[in-house]
Amino acid sequence: EQHPEPGWHCQVVACVEGCFCPEGTLLHGGACLEPASCPCEWGSNSFPPGSVLQKDCGNCTCQEGQWRCGG
């Protein structure tokens, strides 16, 4: 007997079936992650949280799945 992946919550609600992440988490690559653990995409590459890239003479930091850029 198969069980859902840990962290997944599978249910049927109002004729919509499927797997959903617990409230406050996001689905990424088949896993439910806290927003602070979400990687960022740059081109076709994925970067872990806290990564810093230089862009247009400023630094961009990966935070909660988004690049935050400052001068």
PDB file of N, CA and C in Angstrom:
ATOM      1  N   GLU A   1       0.850  -1.190   0.000  1.00  0.00           N
ATOM      2  CA  GLU A   1       0.000   0.000   0.000  1.00  0.00           C
ATOM      3  C   GLU A   1       0.886   1.240   0.000  1.00  0.00           C
ATOM      4  N   GLN A   2       0.602   2.164  -0.906  1.00  0.00           N
ATOM      5  CA  GLN A   2       1.416   3.365  -1.013  1.00  0.00           C
ATOM      6  C   GLN A   2       0.842   4.474  -0.141  1.00  0.00           C
ATOM      7  N   HIS A   3       1.749   5.260   0.401  1.00  0.00           N
ATOM      8  CA  HIS A   3       1.357   6.405   1.224  1.00  0.00           C
ATOM      9  C   HIS A   3       1.839   7.672   0.541  1.00  0.00           C
ATOM     10  N   PRO A   4       1.143   8.791   0.742  1.00  0.00           N
ATOM     11  CA  PRO A   4       1.607  10.050   0.156  1.00  0.00           C
ATOM     12  C   PRO A   4       2.982  10.431   0.702  1.00  0.00           C
ATOM     13  N   GLU A   5       3.689  11.235  -0.059  1.00  0.00           N
ATOM     14  CA  GLU A   5       4.992  11.727   0.400  1.00  0.00           C
ATOM     15  C   GLU A   5       4.800  12.513   1.700  1.00  0.00           C
ATOM     16  N   PRO A   6       5.799  12.477   2.581  1.00  0.00           N
ATOM     17  CA  PRO A   6       5.706  13.291   3.803  1.00  0.00           C
ATOM     18  C   PRO A   6       5.525  14.755   3.446  1.00  0.00           C
ATOM     19  N   GLY A   7       4.693  15.438   4.183  1.00  0.00           N
ATOM     20  CA  GLY A   7       4.470  16.848   3.939  1.00  0.00           C
ATOM     21  C   GLY A   7       3.354  17.117   2.944  1.00  0.00           C
ATOM     22  N   TRP A   8       2.847  16.080   2.287  1.00  0.00           N
ATOM     23  CA  TRP A   8       1.756  16.257   1.340  1.00  0.00           C
ATOM     24  C   TRP A   8       0.441  15.989   2.049  1.00  0.00           C
ATOM     25  N   HIS A   9      -0.589  16.677   1.608  1.00  0.00           N
ATOM     26  CA  HIS A   9      -1.916  16.474   2.164  1.00  0.00           C
ATOM     27  C   HIS A   9      -2.839  16.215   0.983  1.00  0.00           C
ATOM     28  N   CYS A  10      -3.224  14.971   0.787  1.00  0.00           N
ATOM     29  CA  CYS A  10      -4.072  14.617  -0.351  1.00  0.00           C
ATOM     30  C   CYS A  10      -5.518  14.497   0.110  1.00  0.00           C
ATOM     31  N   GLN A  11      -6.409  15.095  -0.671  1.00  0.00           N
ATOM     32  CA  GLN A  11      -7.805  15.083  -0.276  1.00  0.00           C
ATOM     33  C   GLN A  11      -8.676  15.366  -1.490  1.00  0.00           C
ATOM     34  N   VAL A  12      -9.969  15.142  -1.328  1.00  0.00           N
ATOM     35  CA  VAL A  12     -10.943  15.499  -2.348  1.00  0.00           C
ATOM     36  C   VAL A  12     -11.833  16.584  -1.752  1.00  0.00           C
ATOM     37  N   VAL A  13     -11.877  17.742  -2.427  1.00  0.00           N
ATOM     38  CA  VAL A  13     -12.667  18.863  -1.934  1.00  0.00           C
ATOM     39  C   VAL A  13     -13.494  19.412  -3.081  1.00  0.00           C
ATOM     40  N   ALA A  14     -14.794  19.457  -2.932  1.00  0.00           N
ATOM     41  CA  ALA A  14     -15.697  20.036  -3.923  1.00  0.00           C
ATOM     42  C   ALA A  14     -15.370  19.553  -5.332  1.00  0.00           C
ATOM     43  N   CYS A  15     -15.213  18.256  -5.484  1.00  0.00           N
ATOM     44  CA  CYS A  15     -14.970  17.636  -6.788  1.00  0.00           C
ATOM     45  C   CYS A  15     -13.622  18.000  -7.394  1.00  0.00           C
ATOM     46  N   VAL A  16     -12.700  18.534  -6.609  1.00  0.00           N
ATOM     47  CA  VAL A  16     -11.343  18.798  -7.076  1.00  0.00           C
ATOM     48  C   VAL A  16     -10.439  17.852  -6.322  1.00  0.00           C
ATOM     49  N   GLU A  17      -9.798  16.928  -7.054  1.00  0.00           N
ATOM     50  CA  GLU A  17      -8.934  15.993  -6.357  1.00  0.00           C
ATOM     51  C   GLU A  17      -7.491  16.257  -6.715  1.00  0.00           C
ATOM     52  N   GLY A  18      -6.602  15.845  -5.831  1.00  0.00           N
ATOM     53  CA  GLY A  18      -5.180  16.034  -6.062  1.00  0.00           C
ATOM     54  C   GLY A  18      -4.449  16.195  -4.758  1.00  0.00           C
ATOM     55  N   CYS A  19      -3.190  16.571  -4.872  1.00  0.00           N
ATOM     56  CA  CYS A  19      -2.341  16.742  -3.688  1.00  0.00           C
ATOM     57  C   CYS A  19      -2.054  18.220  -3.478  1.00  0.00           C
ATOM     58  N   PHE A  20      -2.107  18.617  -2.248  1.00  0.00           N
ATOM     59  CA  PHE A  20      -1.920  20.022  -1.900  1.00  0.00           C
ATOM     60  C   PHE A  20      -0.901  20.117  -0.771  1.00  0.00           C
ATOM     61  N   CYS A  21      -0.163  21.214  -0.764  1.00  0.00           N
ATOM     62  CA  CYS A  21       0.774  21.437   0.333  1.00  0.00           C
ATOM     63  C   CYS A  21       0.035  22.015   1.535  1.00  0.00           C
ATOM     64  N   PRO A  22       0.538  21.726   2.729  1.00  0.00           N
ATOM     65  CA  PRO A  22      -0.064  22.316   3.924  1.00  0.00           C
ATOM     66  C   PRO A  22      -0.031  23.843   3.840  1.00  0.00           C
ATOM     67  N   GLU A  23      -0.969  24.484   4.497  1.00  0.00           N
ATOM     68  CA  GLU A  23      -1.036  25.942   4.486  1.00  0.00           C
ATOM     69  C   GLU A  23       0.284  26.533   4.956  1.00  0.00           C
ATOM     70  N   GLY A  24       0.739  27.557   4.267  1.00  0.00           N
ATOM     71  CA  GLY A  24       1.988  28.204   4.634  1.00  0.00           C
ATOM     72  C   GLY A  24       3.207  27.613   3.946  1.00  0.00           C
ATOM     73  N   THR A  25       2.999  26.571   3.119  1.00  0.00           N
ATOM     74  CA  THR A  25       4.120  26.014   2.367  1.00  0.00           C
ATOM     75  C   THR A  25       3.800  26.074   0.877  1.00  0.00           C
ATOM     76  N   LEU A  26       4.841  25.916   0.061  1.00  0.00           N
ATOM     77  CA  LEU A  26       4.711  25.999  -1.384  1.00  0.00           C
ATOM     78  C   LEU A  26       5.264  24.740  -2.021  1.00  0.00           C
ATOM     79  N   LEU A  27       4.683  24.349  -3.149  1.00  0.00           N
ATOM     80  CA  LEU A  27       5.140  23.168  -3.869  1.00  0.00           C
ATOM     81  C   LEU A  27       6.298  23.552  -4.783  1.00  0.00           C
ATOM     82  N   HIS A  28       7.413  22.850  -4.645  1.00  0.00           N
ATOM     83  CA  HIS A  28       8.564  23.075  -5.519  1.00  0.00           C
ATOM     84  C   HIS A  28       9.235  21.741  -5.778  1.00  0.00           C
ATOM     85  N   GLY A  29       9.309  21.349  -7.034  1.00  0.00           N
ATOM     86  CA  GLY A  29      10.002  20.118  -7.401  1.00  0.00           C
ATOM     87  C   GLY A  29       9.439  18.881  -6.718  1.00  0.00           C
ATOM     88  N   GLY A  30       8.137  18.854  -6.491  1.00  0.00           N
ATOM     89  CA  GLY A  30       7.515  17.688  -5.879  1.00  0.00           C
ATOM     90  C   GLY A  30       7.608  17.663  -4.365  1.00  0.00           C
ATOM     91  N   ALA A  31       8.101  18.730  -3.756  1.00  0.00           N
ATOM     92  CA  ALA A  31       8.212  18.795  -2.299  1.00  0.00           C
ATOM     93  C   ALA A  31       7.549  20.073  -1.794  1.00  0.00           C
ATOM     94  N   CYS A  32       7.020  20.013  -0.581  1.00  0.00           N
ATOM     95  CA  CYS A  32       6.428  21.193   0.042  1.00  0.00           C
ATOM     96  C   CYS A  32       7.509  21.884   0.870  1.00  0.00           C
ATOM     97  N   LEU A  33       7.748  23.158   0.560  1.00  0.00           N
ATOM     98  CA  LEU A  33       8.804  23.908   1.231  1.00  0.00           C
ATOM     99  C   LEU A  33       8.230  25.125   1.935  1.00  0.00           C
ATOM    100  N   GLU A  34       8.886  25.510   3.036  1.00  0.00           N
ATOM    101  CA  GLU A  34       8.592  26.790   3.666  1.00  0.00           C
ATOM    102  C   GLU A  34       9.048  27.869   2.676  1.00  0.00           C
ATOM    103  N   PRO A  35       8.356  29.020   2.614  1.00  0.00           N
ATOM    104  CA  PRO A  35       8.784  30.067   1.682  1.00  0.00           C
ATOM    105  C   PRO A  35      10.256  30.439   1.827  1.00  0.00           C
ATOM    106  N   ALA A  36      10.768  30.454   3.050  1.00  0.00           N
ATOM    107  CA  ALA A  36      12.172  30.819   3.273  1.00  0.00           C
ATOM    108  C   ALA A  36      13.137  29.795   2.691  1.00  0.00           C
ATOM    109  N   SER A  37      12.659  28.588   2.377  1.00  0.00           N
ATOM    110  CA  SER A  37      13.513  27.537   1.824  1.00  0.00           C
ATOM    111  C   SER A  37      13.438  27.446   0.308  1.00  0.00           C
ATOM    112  N   CYS A  38      12.608  28.282  -0.316  1.00  0.00           N
ATOM    113  CA  CYS A  38      12.427  28.189  -1.762  1.00  0.00           C
ATOM    114  C   CYS A  38      13.648  28.726  -2.497  1.00  0.00           C
ATOM    115  N   PRO A  39      14.113  27.995  -3.509  1.00  0.00           N
ATOM    116  CA  PRO A  39      15.235  28.478  -4.317  1.00  0.00           C
ATOM    117  C   PRO A  39      14.762  29.556  -5.291  1.00  0.00           C
ATOM    118  N   CYS A  40      15.722  30.236  -5.912  1.00  0.00           N
ATOM    119  CA  CYS A  40      15.427  31.258  -6.918  1.00  0.00           C
ATOM    120  C   CYS A  40      15.932  30.782  -8.273  1.00  0.00           C
ATOM    121  N   GLU A  41      15.250  31.193  -9.319  1.00  0.00           N
ATOM    122  CA  GLU A  41      15.654  30.838 -10.675  1.00  0.00           C
ATOM    123  C   GLU A  41      16.323  32.041 -11.322  1.00  0.00           C
ATOM    124  N   TRP A  42      17.403  31.760 -12.045  1.00  0.00           N
ATOM    125  CA  TRP A  42      18.080  32.808 -12.814  1.00  0.00           C
ATOM    126  C   TRP A  42      18.440  32.157 -14.132  1.00  0.00           C
ATOM    127  N   GLY A  43      17.783  32.575 -15.200  1.00  0.00           N
ATOM    128  CA  GLY A  43      17.953  31.881 -16.472  1.00  0.00           C
ATOM    129  C   GLY A  43      17.406  30.471 -16.315  1.00  0.00           C
ATOM    130  N   SER A  44      18.222  29.486 -16.618  1.00  0.00           N
ATOM    131  CA  SER A  44      17.780  28.090 -16.455  1.00  0.00           C
ATOM    132  C   SER A  44      18.391  27.463 -15.220  1.00  0.00           C
ATOM    133  N   ASN A  45      18.997  28.274 -14.361  1.00  0.00           N
ATOM    134  CA  ASN A  45      19.659  27.763 -13.157  1.00  0.00           C
ATOM    135  C   ASN A  45      18.811  28.031 -11.915  1.00  0.00           C
ATOM    136  N   SER A  46      18.969  27.158 -10.930  1.00  0.00           N
ATOM    137  CA  SER A  46      18.279  27.304  -9.656  1.00  0.00           C
ATOM    138  C   SER A  46      19.320  27.553  -8.572  1.00  0.00           C
ATOM    139  N   PHE A  47      19.064  28.537  -7.721  1.00  0.00           N
ATOM    140  CA  PHE A  47      20.004  28.915  -6.668  1.00  0.00           C
ATOM    141  C   PHE A  47      19.349  28.779  -5.299  1.00  0.00           C
ATOM    142  N   PRO A  48      20.098  28.270  -4.310  1.00  0.00           N
ATOM    143  CA  PRO A  48      19.523  28.110  -2.962  1.00  0.00           C
ATOM    144  C   PRO A  48      19.309  29.454  -2.275  1.00  0.00           C
ATOM    145  N   PRO A  49      18.452  29.475  -1.242  1.00  0.00           N
ATOM    146  CA  PRO A  49      18.214  30.714  -0.501  1.00  0.00           C
ATOM    147  C   PRO A  49      19.524  31.267   0.049  1.00  0.00           C
ATOM    148  N   GLY A  50      19.652  32.591   0.019  1.00  0.00           N
ATOM    149  CA  GLY A  50      20.859  33.242   0.520  1.00  0.00           C
ATOM    150  C   GLY A  50      21.912  33.458  -0.541  1.00  0.00           C
ATOM    151  N   SER A  51      21.707  32.888  -1.744  1.00  0.00           N
ATOM    152  CA  SER A  51      22.663  33.100  -2.830  1.00  0.00           C
ATOM    153  C   SER A  51      22.674  34.569  -3.220  1.00  0.00           C
ATOM    154  N   VAL A  52      23.856  35.060  -3.603  1.00  0.00           N
ATOM    155  CA  VAL A  52      23.997  36.452  -4.021  1.00  0.00           C
ATOM    156  C   VAL A  52      24.592  36.483  -5.426  1.00  0.00           C
ATOM    157  N   LEU A  53      23.953  37.224  -6.325  1.00  0.00           N
ATOM    158  CA  LEU A  53      24.455  37.418  -7.677  1.00  0.00           C
ATOM    159  C   LEU A  53      24.638  38.906  -7.924  1.00  0.00           C
ATOM    160  N   GLN A  54      25.610  39.243  -8.775  1.00  0.00           N
ATOM    161  CA  GLN A  54      25.816  40.643  -9.122  1.00  0.00           C
ATOM    162  C   GLN A  54      25.096  40.937 -10.427  1.00  0.00           C
ATOM    163  N   LYS A  55      24.341  42.027 -10.433  1.00  0.00           N
ATOM    164  CA  LYS A  55      23.594  42.422 -11.627  1.00  0.00           C
ATOM    165  C   LYS A  55      23.582  43.939 -11.710  1.00  0.00           C
ATOM    166  N   ASP A  56      24.005  44.461 -12.853  1.00  0.00           N
ATOM    167  CA  ASP A  56      24.000  45.906 -13.075  1.00  0.00           C
ATOM    168  C   ASP A  56      24.652  46.670 -11.919  1.00  0.00           C
ATOM    169  N   CYS A  57      25.852  46.256 -11.546  1.00  0.00           N
ATOM    170  CA  CYS A  57      26.638  46.919 -10.493  1.00  0.00           C
ATOM    171  C   CYS A  57      25.969  46.871  -9.121  1.00  0.00           C
ATOM    172  N   GLY A  58      24.999  45.994  -8.927  1.00  0.00           N
ATOM    173  CA  GLY A  58      24.377  45.821  -7.621  1.00  0.00           C
ATOM    174  C   GLY A  58      24.295  44.350  -7.295  1.00  0.00           C
ATOM    175  N   ASN A  59      23.962  44.024  -6.062  1.00  0.00           N
ATOM    176  CA  ASN A  59      23.840  42.632  -5.645  1.00  0.00           C
ATOM    177  C   ASN A  59      22.377  42.245  -5.519  1.00  0.00           C
ATOM    178  N   CYS A  60      22.086  41.014  -5.929  1.00  0.00           N
ATOM    179  CA  CYS A  60      20.753  40.455  -5.759  1.00  0.00           C
ATOM    180  C   CYS A  60      20.861  39.234  -4.855  1.00  0.00           C
ATOM    181  N   THR A  61      19.996  39.152  -3.861  1.00  0.00           N
ATOM    182  CA  THR A  61      20.009  38.056  -2.899  1.00  0.00           C
ATOM    183  C   THR A  61      18.726  37.243  -3.041  1.00  0.00           C
ATOM    184  N   CYS A  62      18.868  35.916  -3.010  1.00  0.00           N
ATOM    185  CA  CYS A  62      17.711  35.033  -3.091  1.00  0.00           C
ATOM    186  C   CYS A  62      17.029  34.964  -1.731  1.00  0.00           C
ATOM    187  N   GLN A  63      15.774  35.428  -1.680  1.00  0.00           N
ATOM    188  CA  GLN A  63      14.983  35.390  -0.446  1.00  0.00           C
ATOM    189  C   GLN A  63      13.570  34.926  -0.774  1.00  0.00           C
ATOM    190  N   GLU A  64      13.147  33.835  -0.139  1.00  0.00           N
ATOM    191  CA  GLU A  64      11.788  33.318  -0.291  1.00  0.00           C
ATOM    192  C   GLU A  64      11.395  33.128  -1.754  1.00  0.00           C
ATOM    193  N   GLY A  65      12.325  32.611  -2.556  1.00  0.00           N
ATOM    194  CA  GLY A  65      12.024  32.292  -3.934  1.00  0.00           C
ATOM    195  C   GLY A  65      12.076  33.470  -4.889  1.00  0.00           C
ATOM    196  N   GLN A  66      12.480  34.658  -4.415  1.00  0.00           N
ATOM    197  CA  GLN A  66      12.552  35.834  -5.270  1.00  0.00           C
ATOM    198  C   GLN A  66      13.886  36.521  -5.094  1.00  0.00           C
ATOM    199  N   TRP A  67      14.348  37.156  -6.165  1.00  0.00           N
ATOM    200  CA  TRP A  67      15.588  37.938  -6.094  1.00  0.00           C
ATOM    201  C   TRP A  67      15.267  39.319  -5.565  1.00  0.00           C
ATOM    202  N   ARG A  68      15.978  39.733  -4.514  1.00  0.00           N
ATOM    203  CA  ARG A  68      15.829  41.075  -3.953  1.00  0.00           C
ATOM    204  C   ARG A  68      17.127  41.804  -4.290  1.00  0.00           C
ATOM    205  N   CYS A  69      16.994  42.855  -5.098  1.00  0.00           N
ATOM    206  CA  CYS A  69      18.167  43.550  -5.611  1.00  0.00           C
ATOM    207  C   CYS A  69      18.273  44.939  -5.015  1.00  0.00           C
ATOM    208  N   GLY A  70      19.504  45.319  -4.695  1.00  0.00           N
ATOM    209  CA  GLY A  70      19.779  46.634  -4.163  1.00  0.00           C
ATOM    210  C   GLY A  70      21.051  47.180  -4.788  1.00  0.00           C
ATOM    211  N   GLY A  71      21.237  48.486  -4.684  1.00  0.00           N
ATOM    212  CA  GLY A  71      22.406  49.119  -5.297  1.00  0.00           C
ATOM    213  C   GLY A  71      23.640  49.007  -4.450  1.00  0.00           C
TER     214      GLY A  71
END
